[in-house]
Every structure is written in structure tokens, then in C-alpha cells.
Full PDB file with SEQRES, HELIX, SHEET, SSBOND, CRYST1, ORIGX, SCALE, CONECT and MASTER records, all heavy atoms in Angstrom:
SEQRES   1 A   30  LEU ASP ALA TYR LEU LYS HIS GLY GLN GLY HIS GLU ARG          
SEQRES   2 A   30  THR PRO GLY PHE ASN HIS LEU THR VAL ARG GLU ARG GLU          
SEQRES   3 A   30  ILE VAL GLN LEU                                              
HELIX    1 AA1 ASP A    2  HIS A    7  1                                   6    
HELIX    2 AA2 GLY A    8  GLY A   10  5                                   3    
HELIX    3 AA3 PHE A   17  HIS A   19  5                                   3    
HELIX    4 AA4 VAL A   22  GLN A   29  1                                   8    
CRYST1    1.000    1.000    1.000  90.00  90.00  90.00 P 1           1          
ORIGX1      1.000000  0.000000  0.000000        0.00000                         
ORIGX2      0.000000  1.000000  0.000000        0.00000                         
ORIGX3      0.000000  0.000000  1.000000        0.00000                         
SCALE1      1.000000  0.000000  0.000000        0.00000                         
SCALE2      0.000000  1.000000  0.000000        0.00000                         
SCALE3      0.000000  0.000000  1.000000        0.00000                         
ATOM      1  N   LEU A   1      11.763 -19.497  11.084  1.00  0.00           N  
ATOM      2  CA  LEU A   1      12.216 -19.083  12.406  1.00  0.00           C  
ATOM      3  C   LEU A   1      13.199 -17.924  12.303  1.00  0.00           C  
ATOM      4  O   LEU A   1      13.090 -16.938  13.041  1.00  0.00           O  
ATOM      5  CB  LEU A   1      12.856 -20.260  13.141  1.00  0.00           C  
ATOM      6  CG  LEU A   1      13.421 -19.935  14.524  1.00  0.00           C  
ATOM      7  CD1 LEU A   1      12.315 -19.455  15.462  1.00  0.00           C  
ATOM      8  CD2 LEU A   1      14.128 -21.159  15.104  1.00  0.00           C  
ATOM      9  N   ASP A   2      14.157 -18.023  11.378  1.00  0.00           N  
ATOM     10  CA  ASP A   2      15.123 -16.943  11.185  1.00  0.00           C  
ATOM     11  C   ASP A   2      14.424 -15.637  10.828  1.00  0.00           C  
ATOM     12  O   ASP A   2      14.773 -14.569  11.339  1.00  0.00           O  
ATOM     13  CB  ASP A   2      16.138 -17.306  10.100  1.00  0.00           C  
ATOM     14  CG  ASP A   2      17.113 -18.394  10.532  1.00  0.00           C  
ATOM     15  OD1 ASP A   2      17.170 -18.712  11.736  1.00  0.00           O  
ATOM     16  OD2 ASP A   2      17.798 -18.940   9.637  1.00  0.00           O  
ATOM     17  N   ALA A   3      13.420 -15.714   9.959  1.00  0.00           N  
ATOM     18  CA  ALA A   3      12.680 -14.519   9.563  1.00  0.00           C  
ATOM     19  C   ALA A   3      11.935 -13.930  10.749  1.00  0.00           C  
ATOM     20  O   ALA A   3      11.924 -12.716  10.960  1.00  0.00           O  
ATOM     21  CB  ALA A   3      11.699 -14.851   8.441  1.00  0.00           C  
ATOM     22  N   TYR A   4      11.318 -14.796  11.549  1.00  0.00           N  
ATOM     23  CA  TYR A   4      10.592 -14.328  12.721  1.00  0.00           C  
ATOM     24  C   TYR A   4      11.534 -13.637  13.697  1.00  0.00           C  
ATOM     25  O   TYR A   4      11.247 -12.549  14.190  1.00  0.00           O  
ATOM     26  CB  TYR A   4       9.884 -15.500  13.407  1.00  0.00           C  
ATOM     27  CG  TYR A   4       9.192 -15.092  14.675  1.00  0.00           C  
ATOM     28  CD1 TYR A   4       7.961 -14.437  14.634  1.00  0.00           C  
ATOM     29  CD2 TYR A   4       9.771 -15.340  15.911  1.00  0.00           C  
ATOM     30  CE1 TYR A   4       7.329 -14.044  15.799  1.00  0.00           C  
ATOM     31  CE2 TYR A   4       9.147 -14.955  17.079  1.00  0.00           C  
ATOM     32  CZ  TYR A   4       7.925 -14.301  17.021  1.00  0.00           C  
ATOM     33  OH  TYR A   4       7.312 -13.907  18.173  1.00  0.00           O  
ATOM     34  N   LEU A   5      12.669 -14.266  13.965  1.00  0.00           N  
ATOM     35  CA  LEU A   5      13.622 -13.688  14.899  1.00  0.00           C  
ATOM     36  C   LEU A   5      14.244 -12.407  14.353  1.00  0.00           C  
ATOM     37  O   LEU A   5      14.497 -11.470  15.103  1.00  0.00           O  
ATOM     38  CB  LEU A   5      14.710 -14.707  15.236  1.00  0.00           C  
ATOM     39  CG  LEU A   5      14.237 -15.945  16.006  1.00  0.00           C  
ATOM     40  CD1 LEU A   5      15.376 -16.946  16.143  1.00  0.00           C  
ATOM     41  CD2 LEU A   5      13.656 -15.572  17.356  1.00  0.00           C  
ATOM     42  N   LYS A   6      14.474 -12.374  13.056  1.00  0.00           N  
ATOM     43  CA  LYS A   6      15.064 -11.200  12.410  1.00  0.00           C  
ATOM     44  C   LYS A   6      14.140  -9.993  12.506  1.00  0.00           C  
ATOM     45  O   LYS A   6      14.558  -8.892  12.826  1.00  0.00           O  
ATOM     46  CB  LYS A   6      15.349 -11.511  10.935  1.00  0.00           C  
ATOM     47  CG  LYS A   6      15.883 -10.347  10.133  1.00  0.00           C  
ATOM     48  CD  LYS A   6      16.107 -10.784   8.693  1.00  0.00           C  
ATOM     49  CE  LYS A   6      16.379  -9.619   7.780  1.00  0.00           C  
ATOM     50  NZ  LYS A   6      16.450 -10.040   6.386  1.00  0.00           N  
ATOM     51  N   HIS A   7      12.858 -10.216  12.251  1.00  0.00           N  
ATOM     52  CA  HIS A   7      11.908  -9.105  12.226  1.00  0.00           C  
ATOM     53  C   HIS A   7      11.301  -8.843  13.595  1.00  0.00           C  
ATOM     54  O   HIS A   7      10.879  -7.733  13.871  1.00  0.00           O  
ATOM     55  CB  HIS A   7      10.804  -9.366  11.202  1.00  0.00           C  
ATOM     56  CG  HIS A   7      11.327  -9.422   9.806  1.00  0.00           C  
ATOM     57  ND1 HIS A   7      11.902  -8.353   9.186  1.00  0.00           N  
ATOM     58  CD2 HIS A   7      11.387 -10.443   8.931  1.00  0.00           C  
ATOM     59  CE1 HIS A   7      12.288  -8.701   7.974  1.00  0.00           C  
ATOM     60  NE2 HIS A   7      11.984  -9.964   7.798  1.00  0.00           N  
ATOM     61  N   GLY A   8      11.235  -9.848  14.411  1.00  0.00           N  
ATOM     62  CA  GLY A   8      10.781  -9.707  15.785  1.00  0.00           C  
ATOM     63  C   GLY A   8       9.541  -8.858  15.952  1.00  0.00           C  
ATOM     64  O   GLY A   8       8.670  -8.801  15.100  1.00  0.00           O  
ATOM     65  N   GLN A   9       9.493  -8.166  17.058  1.00  0.00           N  
ATOM     66  CA  GLN A   9       8.318  -7.390  17.394  1.00  0.00           C  
ATOM     67  C   GLN A   9       8.267  -6.049  16.656  1.00  0.00           C  
ATOM     68  O   GLN A   9       7.217  -5.444  16.577  1.00  0.00           O  
ATOM     69  CB  GLN A   9       8.276  -7.168  18.894  1.00  0.00           C  
ATOM     70  CG  GLN A   9       8.127  -8.484  19.629  1.00  0.00           C  
ATOM     71  CD  GLN A   9       8.296  -8.327  21.112  1.00  0.00           C  
ATOM     72  OE1 GLN A   9       8.966  -7.410  21.584  1.00  0.00           O  
ATOM     73  NE2 GLN A   9       7.704  -9.226  21.868  1.00  0.00           N  
ATOM     74  N   GLY A  10       9.366  -5.574  16.148  1.00  0.00           N  
ATOM     75  CA  GLY A  10       9.377  -4.306  15.443  1.00  0.00           C  
ATOM     76  C   GLY A  10       8.907  -4.426  14.010  1.00  0.00           C  
ATOM     77  O   GLY A  10       8.759  -3.437  13.316  1.00  0.00           O  
ATOM     78  N   HIS A  11       8.647  -5.652  13.558  1.00  0.00           N  
ATOM     79  CA  HIS A  11       8.241  -5.877  12.166  1.00  0.00           C  
ATOM     80  C   HIS A  11       6.844  -5.317  11.916  1.00  0.00           C  
ATOM     81  O   HIS A  11       5.924  -5.546  12.686  1.00  0.00           O  
ATOM     82  CB  HIS A  11       8.278  -7.374  11.865  1.00  0.00           C  
ATOM     83  CG  HIS A  11       7.938  -7.713  10.449  1.00  0.00           C  
ATOM     84  ND1 HIS A  11       8.676  -7.264   9.392  1.00  0.00           N  
ATOM     85  CD2 HIS A  11       6.940  -8.442   9.928  1.00  0.00           C  
ATOM     86  CE1 HIS A  11       8.145  -7.723   8.265  1.00  0.00           C  
ATOM     87  NE2 HIS A  11       7.091  -8.433   8.567  1.00  0.00           N  
ATOM     88  N   GLU A  12       6.695  -4.581  10.864  1.00  0.00           N  
ATOM     89  CA  GLU A  12       5.400  -4.027  10.454  1.00  0.00           C  
ATOM     90  C   GLU A  12       4.522  -5.154   9.943  1.00  0.00           C  
ATOM     91  O   GLU A  12       4.862  -5.847   9.018  1.00  0.00           O  
ATOM     92  CB  GLU A  12       5.622  -2.996   9.334  1.00  0.00           C  
ATOM     93  CG  GLU A  12       4.397  -2.235   8.931  1.00  0.00           C  
ATOM     94  CD  GLU A  12       4.020  -1.177   9.923  1.00  0.00           C  
ATOM     95  OE1 GLU A  12       4.887  -0.746  10.690  1.00  0.00           O  
ATOM     96  OE2 GLU A  12       2.848  -0.782   9.936  1.00  0.00           O  
ATOM     97  N   ARG A  13       3.377  -5.352  10.554  1.00  0.00           N  
ATOM     98  CA  ARG A  13       2.457  -6.404  10.150  1.00  0.00           C  
ATOM     99  C   ARG A  13       1.187  -5.787   9.598  1.00  0.00           C  
ATOM    100  O   ARG A  13       0.766  -4.737  10.018  1.00  0.00           O  
ATOM    101  CB  ARG A  13       2.123  -7.317  11.331  1.00  0.00           C  
ATOM    102  CG  ARG A  13       3.342  -8.042  11.839  1.00  0.00           C  
ATOM    103  CD  ARG A  13       2.982  -8.907  13.025  1.00  0.00           C  
ATOM    104  NE  ARG A  13       4.188  -9.330  13.713  1.00  0.00           N  
ATOM    105  CZ  ARG A  13       4.853 -10.417  13.446  1.00  0.00           C  
ATOM    106  NH1 ARG A  13       4.467 -11.211  12.507  1.00  0.00           N  
ATOM    107  NH2 ARG A  13       5.935 -10.733  14.112  1.00  0.00           N  
ATOM    108  N   THR A  14       0.567  -6.508   8.671  1.00  0.00           N  
ATOM    109  CA  THR A  14      -0.694  -6.057   8.112  1.00  0.00           C  
ATOM    110  C   THR A  14      -1.777  -6.224   9.162  1.00  0.00           C  
ATOM    111  O   THR A  14      -1.926  -7.297   9.727  1.00  0.00           O  
ATOM    112  CB  THR A  14      -1.064  -6.891   6.870  1.00  0.00           C  
ATOM    113  OG1 THR A  14      -0.001  -6.797   5.947  1.00  0.00           O  
ATOM    114  CG2 THR A  14      -2.338  -6.399   6.228  1.00  0.00           C  
ATOM    115  N   PRO A  15      -2.535  -5.167   9.454  1.00  0.00           N  
ATOM    116  CA  PRO A  15      -3.587  -5.297  10.458  1.00  0.00           C  
ATOM    117  C   PRO A  15      -4.641  -6.291  10.011  1.00  0.00           C  
ATOM    118  O   PRO A  15      -4.900  -6.464   8.831  1.00  0.00           O  
ATOM    119  CB  PRO A  15      -4.169  -3.895  10.566  1.00  0.00           C  
ATOM    120  CG  PRO A  15      -3.569  -3.085   9.498  1.00  0.00           C  
ATOM    121  CD  PRO A  15      -2.455  -3.860   8.885  1.00  0.00           C  
ATOM    122  N   GLY A  16      -5.255  -6.944  10.963  1.00  0.00           N  
ATOM    123  CA  GLY A  16      -6.250  -7.948  10.650  1.00  0.00           C  
ATOM    124  C   GLY A  16      -7.660  -7.406  10.620  1.00  0.00           C  
ATOM    125  O   GLY A  16      -7.902  -6.196  10.692  1.00  0.00           O  
ATOM    126  N   PHE A  17      -8.585  -8.335  10.552  1.00  0.00           N  
ATOM    127  CA  PHE A  17     -10.011  -8.034  10.447  1.00  0.00           C  
ATOM    128  C   PHE A  17     -10.486  -7.185  11.617  1.00  0.00           C  
ATOM    129  O   PHE A  17     -11.354  -6.333  11.461  1.00  0.00           O  
ATOM    130  CB  PHE A  17     -10.782  -9.352  10.379  1.00  0.00           C  
ATOM    131  CG  PHE A  17     -12.201  -9.221   9.957  1.00  0.00           C  
ATOM    132  CD1 PHE A  17     -12.525  -8.818   8.667  1.00  0.00           C  
ATOM    133  CD2 PHE A  17     -13.232  -9.505  10.833  1.00  0.00           C  
ATOM    134  CE1 PHE A  17     -13.841  -8.696   8.260  1.00  0.00           C  
ATOM    135  CE2 PHE A  17     -14.549  -9.395  10.442  1.00  0.00           C  
ATOM    136  CZ  PHE A  17     -14.856  -8.991   9.152  1.00  0.00           C  
ATOM    137  N   ASN A  18      -9.913  -7.375  12.796  1.00  0.00           N  
ATOM    138  CA  ASN A  18     -10.329  -6.624  13.981  1.00  0.00           C  
ATOM    139  C   ASN A  18      -9.995  -5.140  13.894  1.00  0.00           C  
ATOM    140  O   ASN A  18     -10.525  -4.348  14.669  1.00  0.00           O  
ATOM    141  CB  ASN A  18      -9.720  -7.226  15.243  1.00  0.00           C  
ATOM    142  CG  ASN A  18     -10.260  -8.605  15.528  1.00  0.00           C  
ATOM    143  OD1 ASN A  18     -11.378  -8.930  15.147  1.00  0.00           O  
ATOM    144  ND2 ASN A  18      -9.475  -9.424  16.190  1.00  0.00           N  
ATOM    145  N   HIS A  19      -9.119  -4.753  12.968  1.00  0.00           N  
ATOM    146  CA  HIS A  19      -8.756  -3.351  12.804  1.00  0.00           C  
ATOM    147  C   HIS A  19      -9.705  -2.612  11.867  1.00  0.00           C  
ATOM    148  O   HIS A  19      -9.555  -1.423  11.644  1.00  0.00           O  
ATOM    149  CB  HIS A  19      -7.310  -3.227  12.303  1.00  0.00           C  
ATOM    150  CG  HIS A  19      -6.310  -3.602  13.348  1.00  0.00           C  
ATOM    151  ND1 HIS A  19      -5.992  -4.917  13.614  1.00  0.00           N  
ATOM    152  CD2 HIS A  19      -5.588  -2.859  14.206  1.00  0.00           C  
ATOM    153  CE1 HIS A  19      -5.099  -4.941  14.588  1.00  0.00           C  
ATOM    154  NE2 HIS A  19      -4.840  -3.725  14.961  1.00  0.00           N  
ATOM    155  N   LEU A  20     -10.665  -3.338  11.315  1.00  0.00           N  
ATOM    156  CA  LEU A  20     -11.642  -2.713  10.424  1.00  0.00           C  
ATOM    157  C   LEU A  20     -12.816  -2.192  11.248  1.00  0.00           C  
ATOM    158  O   LEU A  20     -13.138  -2.734  12.300  1.00  0.00           O  
ATOM    159  CB  LEU A  20     -12.155  -3.729   9.397  1.00  0.00           C  
ATOM    160  CG  LEU A  20     -11.127  -4.367   8.470  1.00  0.00           C  
ATOM    161  CD1 LEU A  20     -11.813  -5.369   7.555  1.00  0.00           C  
ATOM    162  CD2 LEU A  20     -10.388  -3.321   7.662  1.00  0.00           C  
ATOM    163  N   THR A  21     -13.467  -1.149  10.721  1.00  0.00           N  
ATOM    164  CA  THR A  21     -14.670  -0.647  11.378  1.00  0.00           C  
ATOM    165  C   THR A  21     -15.805  -1.649  11.171  1.00  0.00           C  
ATOM    166  O   THR A  21     -15.716  -2.541  10.320  1.00  0.00           O  
ATOM    167  CB  THR A  21     -15.092   0.715  10.796  1.00  0.00           C  
ATOM    168  OG1 THR A  21     -15.490   0.520   9.429  1.00  0.00           O  
ATOM    169  CG2 THR A  21     -13.964   1.745  10.879  1.00  0.00           C  
ATOM    170  N   VAL A  22     -16.870  -1.488  11.925  1.00  0.00           N  
ATOM    171  CA  VAL A  22     -18.023  -2.377  11.787  1.00  0.00           C  
ATOM    172  C   VAL A  22     -18.559  -2.317  10.357  1.00  0.00           C  
ATOM    173  O   VAL A  22     -18.862  -3.349   9.750  1.00  0.00           O  
ATOM    174  CB  VAL A  22     -19.134  -1.993  12.804  1.00  0.00           C  
ATOM    175  CG1 VAL A  22     -20.406  -2.795  12.558  1.00  0.00           C  
ATOM    176  CG2 VAL A  22     -18.631  -2.208  14.221  1.00  0.00           C  
ATOM    177  N   ARG A  23     -18.654  -1.124   9.782  1.00  0.00           N  
ATOM    178  CA  ARG A  23     -19.152  -0.967   8.410  1.00  0.00           C  
ATOM    179  C   ARG A  23     -18.225  -1.656   7.424  1.00  0.00           C  
ATOM    180  O   ARG A  23     -18.668  -2.327   6.498  1.00  0.00           O  
ATOM    181  CB  ARG A  23     -19.310   0.523   8.071  1.00  0.00           C  
ATOM    182  CG  ARG A  23     -19.770   0.802   6.656  1.00  0.00           C  
ATOM    183  CD  ARG A  23     -21.149   0.238   6.396  1.00  0.00           C  
ATOM    184  NE  ARG A  23     -22.138   1.104   6.978  1.00  0.00           N  
ATOM    185  CZ  ARG A  23     -23.446   0.946   6.841  1.00  0.00           C  
ATOM    186  NH1 ARG A  23     -23.931  -0.023   6.113  1.00  0.00           N  
ATOM    187  NH2 ARG A  23     -24.275   1.758   7.422  1.00  0.00           N  
ATOM    188  N   GLU A  24     -16.905  -1.495   7.611  1.00  0.00           N  
ATOM    189  CA  GLU A  24     -15.948  -2.147   6.720  1.00  0.00           C  
ATOM    190  C   GLU A  24     -16.076  -3.662   6.806  1.00  0.00           C  
ATOM    191  O   GLU A  24     -15.988  -4.352   5.792  1.00  0.00           O  
ATOM    192  CB  GLU A  24     -14.519  -1.700   7.061  1.00  0.00           C  
ATOM    193  CG  GLU A  24     -14.221  -0.262   6.660  1.00  0.00           C  
ATOM    194  CD  GLU A  24     -12.898   0.247   7.175  1.00  0.00           C  
ATOM    195  OE1 GLU A  24     -12.354  -0.304   8.158  1.00  0.00           O  
ATOM    196  OE2 GLU A  24     -12.391   1.229   6.604  1.00  0.00           O  
ATOM    197  N   ARG A  25     -16.317  -4.192   7.988  1.00  0.00           N  
ATOM    198  CA  ARG A  25     -16.503  -5.641   8.146  1.00  0.00           C  
ATOM    199  C   ARG A  25     -17.741  -6.110   7.394  1.00  0.00           C  
ATOM    200  O   ARG A  25     -17.720  -7.164   6.751  1.00  0.00           O  
ATOM    201  CB  ARG A  25     -16.635  -6.006   9.621  1.00  0.00           C  
ATOM    202  CG  ARG A  25     -15.357  -5.848  10.396  1.00  0.00           C  
ATOM    203  CD  ARG A  25     -15.567  -6.181  11.842  1.00  0.00           C  
ATOM    204  NE  ARG A  25     -14.452  -5.693  12.634  1.00  0.00           N  
ATOM    205  CZ  ARG A  25     -14.366  -5.821  13.927  1.00  0.00           C  
ATOM    206  NH1 ARG A  25     -15.328  -6.418  14.606  1.00  0.00           N  
ATOM    207  NH2 ARG A  25     -13.326  -5.353  14.577  1.00  0.00           N  
ATOM    208  N   GLU A  26     -18.810  -5.333   7.467  1.00  0.00           N  
ATOM    209  CA  GLU A  26     -20.029  -5.672   6.722  1.00  0.00           C  
ATOM    210  C   GLU A  26     -19.734  -5.719   5.227  1.00  0.00           C  
ATOM    211  O   GLU A  26     -20.165  -6.638   4.527  1.00  0.00           O  
ATOM    212  CB  GLU A  26     -21.123  -4.625   6.961  1.00  0.00           C  
ATOM    213  CG  GLU A  26     -21.743  -4.638   8.324  1.00  0.00           C  
ATOM    214  CD  GLU A  26     -22.730  -3.498   8.502  1.00  0.00           C  
ATOM    215  OE1 GLU A  26     -22.406  -2.346   8.154  1.00  0.00           O  
ATOM    216  OE2 GLU A  26     -23.838  -3.774   8.995  1.00  0.00           O  
ATOM    217  N   ILE A  27     -19.008  -4.729   4.767  1.00  0.00           N  
ATOM    218  CA  ILE A  27     -18.707  -4.629   3.343  1.00  0.00           C  
ATOM    219  C   ILE A  27     -17.793  -5.772   2.905  1.00  0.00           C  
ATOM    220  O   ILE A  27     -17.995  -6.357   1.841  1.00  0.00           O  
ATOM    221  CB  ILE A  27     -18.131  -3.239   3.003  1.00  0.00           C  
ATOM    222  CG1 ILE A  27     -19.246  -2.194   3.169  1.00  0.00           C  
ATOM    223  CG2 ILE A  27     -17.522  -3.203   1.608  1.00  0.00           C  
ATOM    224  CD1 ILE A  27     -18.808  -0.762   3.074  1.00  0.00           C  
ATOM    225  N   VAL A  28     -16.789  -6.134   3.722  1.00  0.00           N  
ATOM    226  CA  VAL A  28     -15.927  -7.272   3.401  1.00  0.00           C  
ATOM    227  C   VAL A  28     -16.779  -8.517   3.221  1.00  0.00           C  
ATOM    228  O   VAL A  28     -16.639  -9.256   2.239  1.00  0.00           O  
ATOM    229  CB  VAL A  28     -14.863  -7.519   4.499  1.00  0.00           C  
ATOM    230  CG1 VAL A  28     -14.205  -8.880   4.333  1.00  0.00           C  
ATOM    231  CG2 VAL A  28     -13.819  -6.427   4.493  1.00  0.00           C  
ATOM    232  N   GLN A  29     -17.677  -8.759   4.163  1.00  0.00           N  
ATOM    233  CA  GLN A  29     -18.512  -9.953   4.094  1.00  0.00           C  
ATOM    234  C   GLN A  29     -19.363  -9.956   2.830  1.00  0.00           C  
ATOM    235  O   GLN A  29     -19.414 -10.953   2.109  1.00  0.00           O  
ATOM    236  CB  GLN A  29     -19.412 -10.054   5.322  1.00  0.00           C  
ATOM    237  CG  GLN A  29     -20.250 -11.316   5.311  1.00  0.00           C  
ATOM    238  CD  GLN A  29     -21.036 -11.511   6.583  1.00  0.00           C  
ATOM    239  OE1 GLN A  29     -20.955 -10.730   7.511  1.00  0.00           O  
ATOM    240  NE2 GLN A  29     -21.795 -12.588   6.618  1.00  0.00           N  
ATOM    241  N   LEU A  30     -20.004  -8.851   2.524  1.00  0.00           N  
ATOM    242  CA  LEU A  30     -20.881  -8.793   1.355  1.00  0.00           C  
ATOM    243  C   LEU A  30     -20.097  -8.932   0.049  1.00  0.00           C  
ATOM    244  O   LEU A  30     -20.513  -9.653  -0.860  1.00  0.00           O  
ATOM    245  CB  LEU A  30     -21.703  -7.505   1.374  1.00  0.00           C  
ATOM    246  CG  LEU A  30     -22.721  -7.411   2.529  1.00  0.00           C  
ATOM    247  CD1 LEU A  30     -23.297  -6.000   2.618  1.00  0.00           C  
ATOM    248  CD2 LEU A  30     -23.817  -8.445   2.362  1.00  0.00           C  
TER     249      LEU A  30                                                      
MASTER        0    0    0    4    0    0    0    6  248    1    0    3          
END                                                                             
């Protein structure tokens, strides 16, 4: 909780699967 509150919304997060292109998603799966 402290970490979440400390970093809040300005914290840099790793983008998820939805940030990949369709081709990149195919390649991840394969």
C-alpha cells in the first residue's frame, strides 16, 4: 500500500499486452 501511494498515478508502468501491435501479439503467442 505504501508503495502504491508513494508512486501513485505518476509511476511509470510497463505497458501490457494491449500496447503491442497485432503482429507482435502473434509473435508473442508463437
